[in-house]
Amino acid sequence: MIYGEKDMPIIMYVVTDYFWDLIKRDRSIKKILYLDEVWKLINKNQNTADFVFKLFKTIRKYGGGATAITQDVSDFFMLEDGKYGKGVLNNSSIKCMFQLEETDINMLEKVISISEEEKYRLLNMKRGTAIIHADRNALMVDIVSTKKEHERITTDREDLEKQMEGV
């Protein structure tokens, strides 16, 4: 059976619920859950949004941590005037922000404190640069991958074609 884009939130929910059950089994083992494109779980369905919110609120007491990843902040705040996106952000001790559009910065500013300098930087960052917020501290960072890491994670078409030439 081939699954389409409309099935992704259901599949993501089932997989996340499975890993959530594993995380809760043993509090002594440290673990982290990465939720890429998390907006698919929190922008349309109140039940899955509530599940993600509760996961972020309680995962630390099970020896875990969670990372929510999204490329479009506005999708993160669609359901119930952003209630769930705000809840996830408020229960995240570290926030890593890459270049953003002005509308996304304005949405984030309602939830987290962003200085005027940070707003300017978020609008004008080069690829691989980020601002990390941890508690009340902010740090500008350059993320540099090794050649091997870059080869494994790149989505740059030219880089991929160069890699294929060697095969």
Protein backbone atom coordinates (compact mmCIF):
# COMPACT_ATOMS: atom_id res chain seq x y z
CA MET A 1 0.00 0.00 0.00
CA ILE A 2 1.31 3.45 -0.91
CA TYR A 3 0.66 6.23 1.56
CA GLY A 4 0.04 9.82 0.50
CA GLU A 5 0.78 13.15 2.10
CA LYS A 6 -2.66 13.20 3.73
CA ASP A 7 -1.76 10.02 5.65
CA MET A 8 1.46 11.44 7.10
CA PRO A 9 -0.07 12.95 10.29
CA ILE A 10 -1.64 9.59 11.15
CA ILE A 11 1.58 7.69 10.47
CA MET A 12 3.61 10.26 12.42
CA TYR A 13 1.20 10.00 15.34
CA VAL A 14 1.39 6.19 15.46
CA VAL A 15 5.20 6.16 15.24
CA THR A 16 5.54 8.94 17.85
CA ASP A 17 3.12 7.17 20.20
CA TYR A 18 5.15 3.96 19.84
CA PHE A 19 8.40 5.73 20.76
CA TRP A 20 6.65 7.60 23.58
CA ASP A 21 5.69 4.22 25.07
CA LEU A 22 9.33 3.09 24.82
CA ILE A 23 10.55 6.30 26.48
CA LYS A 24 8.19 5.86 29.43
CA ARG A 25 9.36 2.28 30.17
CA ASP A 26 12.66 3.10 31.89
CA ARG A 27 13.31 6.50 33.47
CA SER A 28 16.97 5.65 34.14
CA ILE A 29 17.87 5.57 30.43
CA LYS A 30 18.46 9.00 28.87
CA LYS A 31 16.78 9.42 25.49
CA ILE A 32 15.69 12.10 23.04
CA LEU A 33 12.84 12.16 20.55
CA TYR A 34 13.15 14.18 17.33
CA LEU A 35 9.90 15.24 15.69
CA ASP A 36 10.66 16.58 12.22
CA GLU A 37 7.87 18.51 10.50
CA VAL A 38 6.04 18.55 13.83
CA TRP A 39 3.54 21.06 12.45
CA LYS A 40 1.82 18.14 10.72
CA LEU A 41 0.83 16.90 14.18
CA ILE A 42 -0.19 20.22 15.69
CA ASN A 43 -1.76 22.36 13.00
CA LYS A 44 -5.05 20.62 12.18
CA ASN A 45 -6.04 17.97 14.67
CA GLN A 46 -6.67 18.90 18.29
CA ASN A 47 -6.10 15.33 19.55
CA THR A 48 -2.63 14.95 18.00
CA ALA A 49 -1.76 18.52 18.98
CA ASP A 50 -2.73 17.81 22.58
CA PHE A 51 -0.66 14.58 22.50
CA VAL A 52 2.45 16.49 21.34
CA PHE A 53 1.89 19.26 23.90
CA LYS A 54 1.61 16.73 26.76
CA LEU A 55 4.68 14.88 25.51
CA PHE A 56 6.75 18.09 25.64
CA LYS A 57 5.33 18.94 29.05
CA THR A 58 6.16 15.57 30.64
CA ILE A 59 9.07 13.95 28.77
CA ARG A 60 11.75 15.24 31.19
CA LYS A 61 10.29 13.28 34.10
CA TYR A 62 10.87 10.10 32.06
CA GLY A 63 14.57 10.87 31.53
CA GLY A 64 13.95 12.20 28.06
CA GLY A 65 14.06 15.23 25.89
CA ALA A 66 12.19 16.19 22.75
CA THR A 67 13.15 18.26 19.74
CA ALA A 68 10.49 19.80 17.50
CA ILE A 69 11.66 20.71 14.00
CA THR A 70 9.74 22.81 11.51
CA GLN A 71 10.64 25.07 8.62
CA ASP A 72 7.50 27.18 8.61
CA VAL A 73 6.67 28.83 11.91
CA SER A 74 3.21 29.93 10.76
CA ASP A 75 2.11 26.29 10.38
CA PHE A 76 3.24 25.72 13.94
CA PHE A 77 0.70 28.28 15.22
CA MET A 78 -2.37 27.49 13.10
CA LEU A 79 -4.55 25.54 15.52
CA GLU A 80 -6.49 27.40 18.22
CA ASP A 81 -4.60 30.68 17.77
CA GLY A 82 -1.24 28.95 18.27
CA LYS A 83 -2.09 27.37 21.63
CA TYR A 84 -0.17 24.15 20.91
CA GLY A 85 2.82 25.73 19.19
CA LYS A 86 3.16 28.14 22.11
CA GLY A 87 2.86 25.24 24.55
CA VAL A 88 5.65 23.31 22.83
CA LEU A 89 7.91 26.38 22.75
CA ASN A 90 7.20 27.28 26.37
CA ASN A 91 8.14 23.74 27.42
CA SER A 92 11.38 23.78 25.39
CA SER A 93 14.45 24.84 27.31
CA ILE A 94 16.50 25.36 24.14
CA LYS A 95 15.32 26.96 20.91
CA CYS A 96 17.49 26.96 17.78
CA MET A 97 16.41 29.40 15.09
CA PHE A 98 17.78 29.65 11.57
CA GLN A 99 16.98 32.33 9.00
CA LEU A 100 13.31 33.32 9.18
CA GLU A 101 10.86 35.51 7.31
CA GLU A 102 9.63 38.65 9.05
CA THR A 103 6.12 37.24 9.58
CA ASP A 104 7.60 34.17 11.31
CA ILE A 105 9.77 36.38 13.53
CA ASN A 106 6.69 38.41 14.50
CA MET A 107 4.85 35.21 15.48
CA LEU A 108 7.78 33.92 17.53
CA GLU A 109 8.20 37.27 19.24
CA LYS A 110 4.78 36.80 20.84
CA VAL A 111 6.05 33.65 22.58
CA ILE A 112 9.77 34.17 23.17
CA SER A 113 11.86 37.26 23.77
CA ILE A 114 13.71 38.31 20.61
CA SER A 115 15.86 41.45 20.63
CA GLU A 116 15.97 43.94 17.75
CA GLU A 117 19.48 42.73 16.89
CA GLU A 118 18.31 39.12 16.84
CA LYS A 119 15.39 40.05 14.56
CA TYR A 120 17.83 41.68 12.14
CA ARG A 121 20.14 38.66 12.26
CA LEU A 122 17.29 36.17 11.78
CA LEU A 123 16.22 38.03 8.65
CA ASN A 124 19.74 38.19 7.21
CA MET A 125 21.53 35.02 8.33
CA LYS A 126 23.59 32.98 5.96
CA ARG A 127 23.04 29.26 5.62
CA GLY A 128 24.45 27.31 8.57
CA THR A 129 24.11 30.18 11.04
CA ALA A 130 21.65 30.08 13.93
CA ILE A 131 20.64 31.75 17.16
CA ILE A 132 20.30 29.43 20.12
CA HIS A 133 18.11 30.54 23.03
CA ALA A 134 18.67 28.70 26.30
CA ASP A 135 16.69 30.09 29.20
CA ARG A 136 17.41 33.85 29.07
CA ASN A 137 20.68 33.47 27.17
CA ALA A 138 21.13 33.80 23.43
CA LEU A 139 24.10 32.73 21.36
CA MET A 140 24.86 33.22 17.67
CA VAL A 141 26.51 30.11 16.20
CA ASP A 142 27.95 28.87 12.92
CA ILE A 143 27.20 25.23 12.34
CA VAL A 144 30.05 23.59 10.46
CA SER A 145 29.85 19.99 9.35
CA THR A 146 32.74 17.72 8.53
CA LYS A 147 33.07 16.64 4.90
CA LYS A 148 31.60 13.25 5.77
CA GLU A 149 28.62 14.80 7.60
CA HIS A 150 28.03 17.22 4.73
CA GLU A 151 27.97 14.36 2.22
CA ARG A 152 25.36 12.55 4.29
CA ILE A 153 23.03 15.47 4.99
CA THR A 154 23.27 17.80 2.01
CA THR A 155 20.22 18.59 -0.07
CA ASP A 156 22.24 20.80 -2.42
CA ARG A 157 21.72 19.38 -5.92
CA GLU A 158 25.25 20.29 -7.11
CA ASP A 159 26.82 18.53 -4.12
CA LEU A 160 24.68 15.45 -4.72
CA GLU A 161 25.68 15.35 -8.40
CA LYS A 162 29.39 15.61 -7.43
CA GLN A 163 28.92 12.68 -5.03
CA MET A 164 27.27 10.61 -7.74
CA GLU A 165 30.19 11.21 -10.14
CA GLY A 166 32.42 9.22 -7.79
CA VAL A 167 30.05 6.23 -7.75
